[in-house]
Amino acid sequence: MKSSRLRHRLAGTAALTVLVGAGALATAPAASAKANLIAINKVALHAPGLQMKVTYSCDPGMNHQLVANVFNTSAHTGSEAAGTIKKDKLICDYADHTVQVNLKVAVGSYFDKGDKVKATAFYFDEDGFSYAHEETAAVL
């Protein structure tokens, strides 16, 4: 009979510990959960190419670059533009930062005002992996 009471007390203590731990996790700041995100804010014509405004956040110590691509969906000619922000230009501290990516237009490609484009942005690391892909449609 005494061992049954002891088991109930231990079970109650364990349940309380789990609830307290879950409460602590629920109220903890979510700084690390927000890292490595990308949002495309704007794509615009800018001589001699295009510009993309991107908001990003990344983990401290990450060794990657931010890559931006734009594909002209109006022209059906495979027109594209690309640009990168090198790893030493990225500020990685879990906070949101905004950067302007200047994109170079590929040889033979063209973009005009009013063209519909598909824009993508992602991180590319030194091992060749890409992640945090973001995609949007825009009109120049």
Protein backbone atom coordinates (compact mmCIF):
# COMPACT_ATOMS: atom_id res chain seq x y z
CA MET A 1 0.00 0.00 0.00
CA LYS A 2 2.83 2.39 0.82
CA SER A 3 4.57 1.71 -2.49
CA SER A 4 1.36 2.64 -4.33
CA ARG A 5 1.30 6.08 -2.65
CA LEU A 6 4.96 6.58 -3.47
CA ARG A 7 4.32 5.74 -7.12
CA HIS A 8 1.41 8.21 -7.26
CA ARG A 9 3.58 10.95 -5.77
CA LEU A 10 6.41 10.23 -8.21
CA ALA A 11 3.97 10.23 -11.13
CA GLY A 12 2.47 13.51 -9.95
CA THR A 13 5.92 15.09 -9.57
CA ALA A 14 6.94 13.90 -13.03
CA ALA A 15 3.75 15.30 -14.57
CA LEU A 16 4.29 18.65 -12.84
CA THR A 17 7.89 18.77 -14.08
CA VAL A 18 6.73 18.15 -17.66
CA LEU A 19 4.08 20.89 -17.43
CA VAL A 20 6.55 23.41 -15.97
CA GLY A 21 9.08 22.56 -18.71
CA ALA A 22 6.47 22.95 -21.44
CA GLY A 23 5.42 26.31 -20.01
CA ALA A 24 9.01 27.50 -19.98
CA LEU A 25 9.45 26.51 -23.63
CA ALA A 26 6.20 28.20 -24.64
CA THR A 27 7.22 31.50 -23.06
CA ALA A 28 10.87 31.45 -24.20
CA PRO A 29 11.93 33.98 -26.86
CA ALA A 30 11.80 32.63 -30.40
CA ALA A 31 15.00 34.28 -31.66
CA SER A 32 16.60 31.15 -33.01
CA ALA A 33 13.38 29.90 -34.61
CA LYS A 34 13.33 32.92 -36.92
CA ALA A 35 16.79 32.54 -38.46
CA ASN A 36 17.60 31.68 -42.08
CA LEU A 37 14.48 33.26 -43.55
CA ILE A 38 14.16 35.25 -46.78
CA ALA A 39 11.40 37.54 -48.06
CA ILE A 40 11.37 39.23 -51.48
CA ASN A 41 10.09 42.78 -51.07
CA LYS A 42 10.43 44.28 -54.55
CA VAL A 43 11.77 43.61 -58.05
CA ALA A 44 12.44 46.60 -60.31
CA LEU A 45 14.14 47.64 -63.53
CA HIS A 46 17.36 49.52 -62.87
CA ALA A 47 19.81 50.28 -65.68
CA PRO A 48 21.75 48.30 -66.77
CA GLY A 49 19.86 45.38 -65.16
CA LEU A 50 17.39 44.67 -62.38
CA GLN A 51 17.31 45.16 -58.62
CA MET A 52 15.68 43.01 -55.97
CA LYS A 53 15.07 44.20 -52.41
CA VAL A 54 15.28 41.26 -49.98
CA THR A 55 14.72 41.02 -46.23
CA TYR A 56 16.70 38.22 -44.59
CA SER A 57 17.77 36.79 -41.26
CA CYS A 58 20.47 34.20 -40.64
CA ASP A 59 22.28 32.35 -37.86
CA PRO A 60 25.54 33.84 -36.56
CA GLY A 61 28.54 32.04 -38.01
CA MET A 62 26.76 30.83 -41.14
CA ASN A 63 29.01 30.54 -44.20
CA HIS A 64 26.72 31.21 -47.13
CA GLN A 65 25.73 33.79 -49.69
CA LEU A 66 22.33 35.10 -50.73
CA VAL A 67 21.42 34.37 -54.35
CA ALA A 68 18.69 36.16 -56.34
CA ASN A 69 17.32 35.18 -59.75
CA VAL A 70 14.64 36.69 -61.99
CA PHE A 71 13.05 34.92 -64.97
CA ASN A 72 11.00 36.80 -67.57
CA THR A 73 7.72 34.89 -67.93
CA SER A 74 6.30 37.39 -70.47
CA ALA A 75 8.95 36.95 -73.15
CA HIS A 76 9.11 33.12 -73.34
CA THR A 77 12.71 33.51 -74.49
CA GLY A 78 14.37 32.22 -71.35
CA SER A 79 15.43 35.71 -70.30
CA GLU A 80 17.01 35.72 -66.87
CA ALA A 81 19.04 37.84 -64.49
CA ALA A 82 21.05 36.88 -61.42
CA GLY A 83 22.93 38.43 -58.54
CA THR A 84 24.52 37.50 -55.22
CA ILE A 85 25.37 39.03 -51.89
CA LYS A 86 28.62 37.47 -50.66
CA LYS A 87 28.86 35.99 -47.15
CA ASP A 88 31.06 38.83 -45.85
CA LYS A 89 28.31 41.35 -46.76
CA LEU A 90 25.54 39.51 -44.85
CA ILE A 91 24.82 40.44 -41.24
CA CYS A 92 23.92 37.24 -39.40
CA ASP A 93 22.55 37.92 -35.90
CA TYR A 94 18.97 36.51 -35.94
CA ALA A 95 17.56 40.02 -36.63
CA ASP A 96 15.90 41.04 -39.91
CA HIS A 97 18.05 42.97 -42.38
CA THR A 98 17.22 44.38 -45.82
CA VAL A 99 19.61 44.32 -48.76
CA GLN A 100 19.42 45.52 -52.36
CA VAL A 101 20.68 42.88 -54.80
CA ASN A 102 21.87 44.19 -58.17
CA LEU A 103 21.13 41.58 -60.84
CA LYS A 104 23.02 41.23 -64.10
CA VAL A 105 20.99 40.33 -67.17
CA ALA A 106 22.28 37.27 -69.04
CA VAL A 107 23.61 37.76 -72.57
CA GLY A 108 20.70 37.70 -75.04
CA SER A 109 18.12 38.27 -72.28
CA TYR A 110 15.93 41.34 -71.98
CA PHE A 111 13.40 42.87 -69.61
CA ASP A 112 10.95 45.72 -70.29
CA LYS A 113 8.58 47.75 -68.16
CA GLY A 114 5.35 45.79 -67.66
CA ASP A 115 6.99 42.35 -68.06
CA LYS A 116 5.76 39.62 -65.73
CA VAL A 117 8.63 37.95 -63.91
CA LYS A 118 9.23 35.13 -61.45
CA ALA A 119 11.71 36.08 -58.73
CA THR A 120 13.52 33.64 -56.46
CA ALA A 121 15.95 34.14 -53.60
CA PHE A 122 17.78 31.57 -51.47
CA TYR A 123 20.92 30.86 -49.48
CA PHE A 124 23.79 28.92 -51.05
CA ASP A 125 26.49 27.46 -48.78
CA GLU A 126 30.14 26.53 -49.39
CA ASP A 127 29.23 22.85 -49.81
CA GLY A 128 26.83 23.57 -52.68
CA PHE A 129 23.57 23.21 -50.75
CA SER A 130 20.77 25.72 -51.16
CA TYR A 131 17.98 26.39 -48.67
CA ALA A 132 15.36 28.90 -47.49
CA HIS A 133 13.96 29.25 -51.01
CA GLU A 134 11.51 32.10 -51.52
CA GLU A 135 9.61 32.68 -54.76
CA THR A 136 7.23 35.39 -55.92
CA ALA A 137 5.69 36.80 -59.09
CA ALA A 138 6.02 40.49 -59.95
CA VAL A 139 5.41 43.00 -62.72
CA LEU A 140 8.28 45.31 -63.67
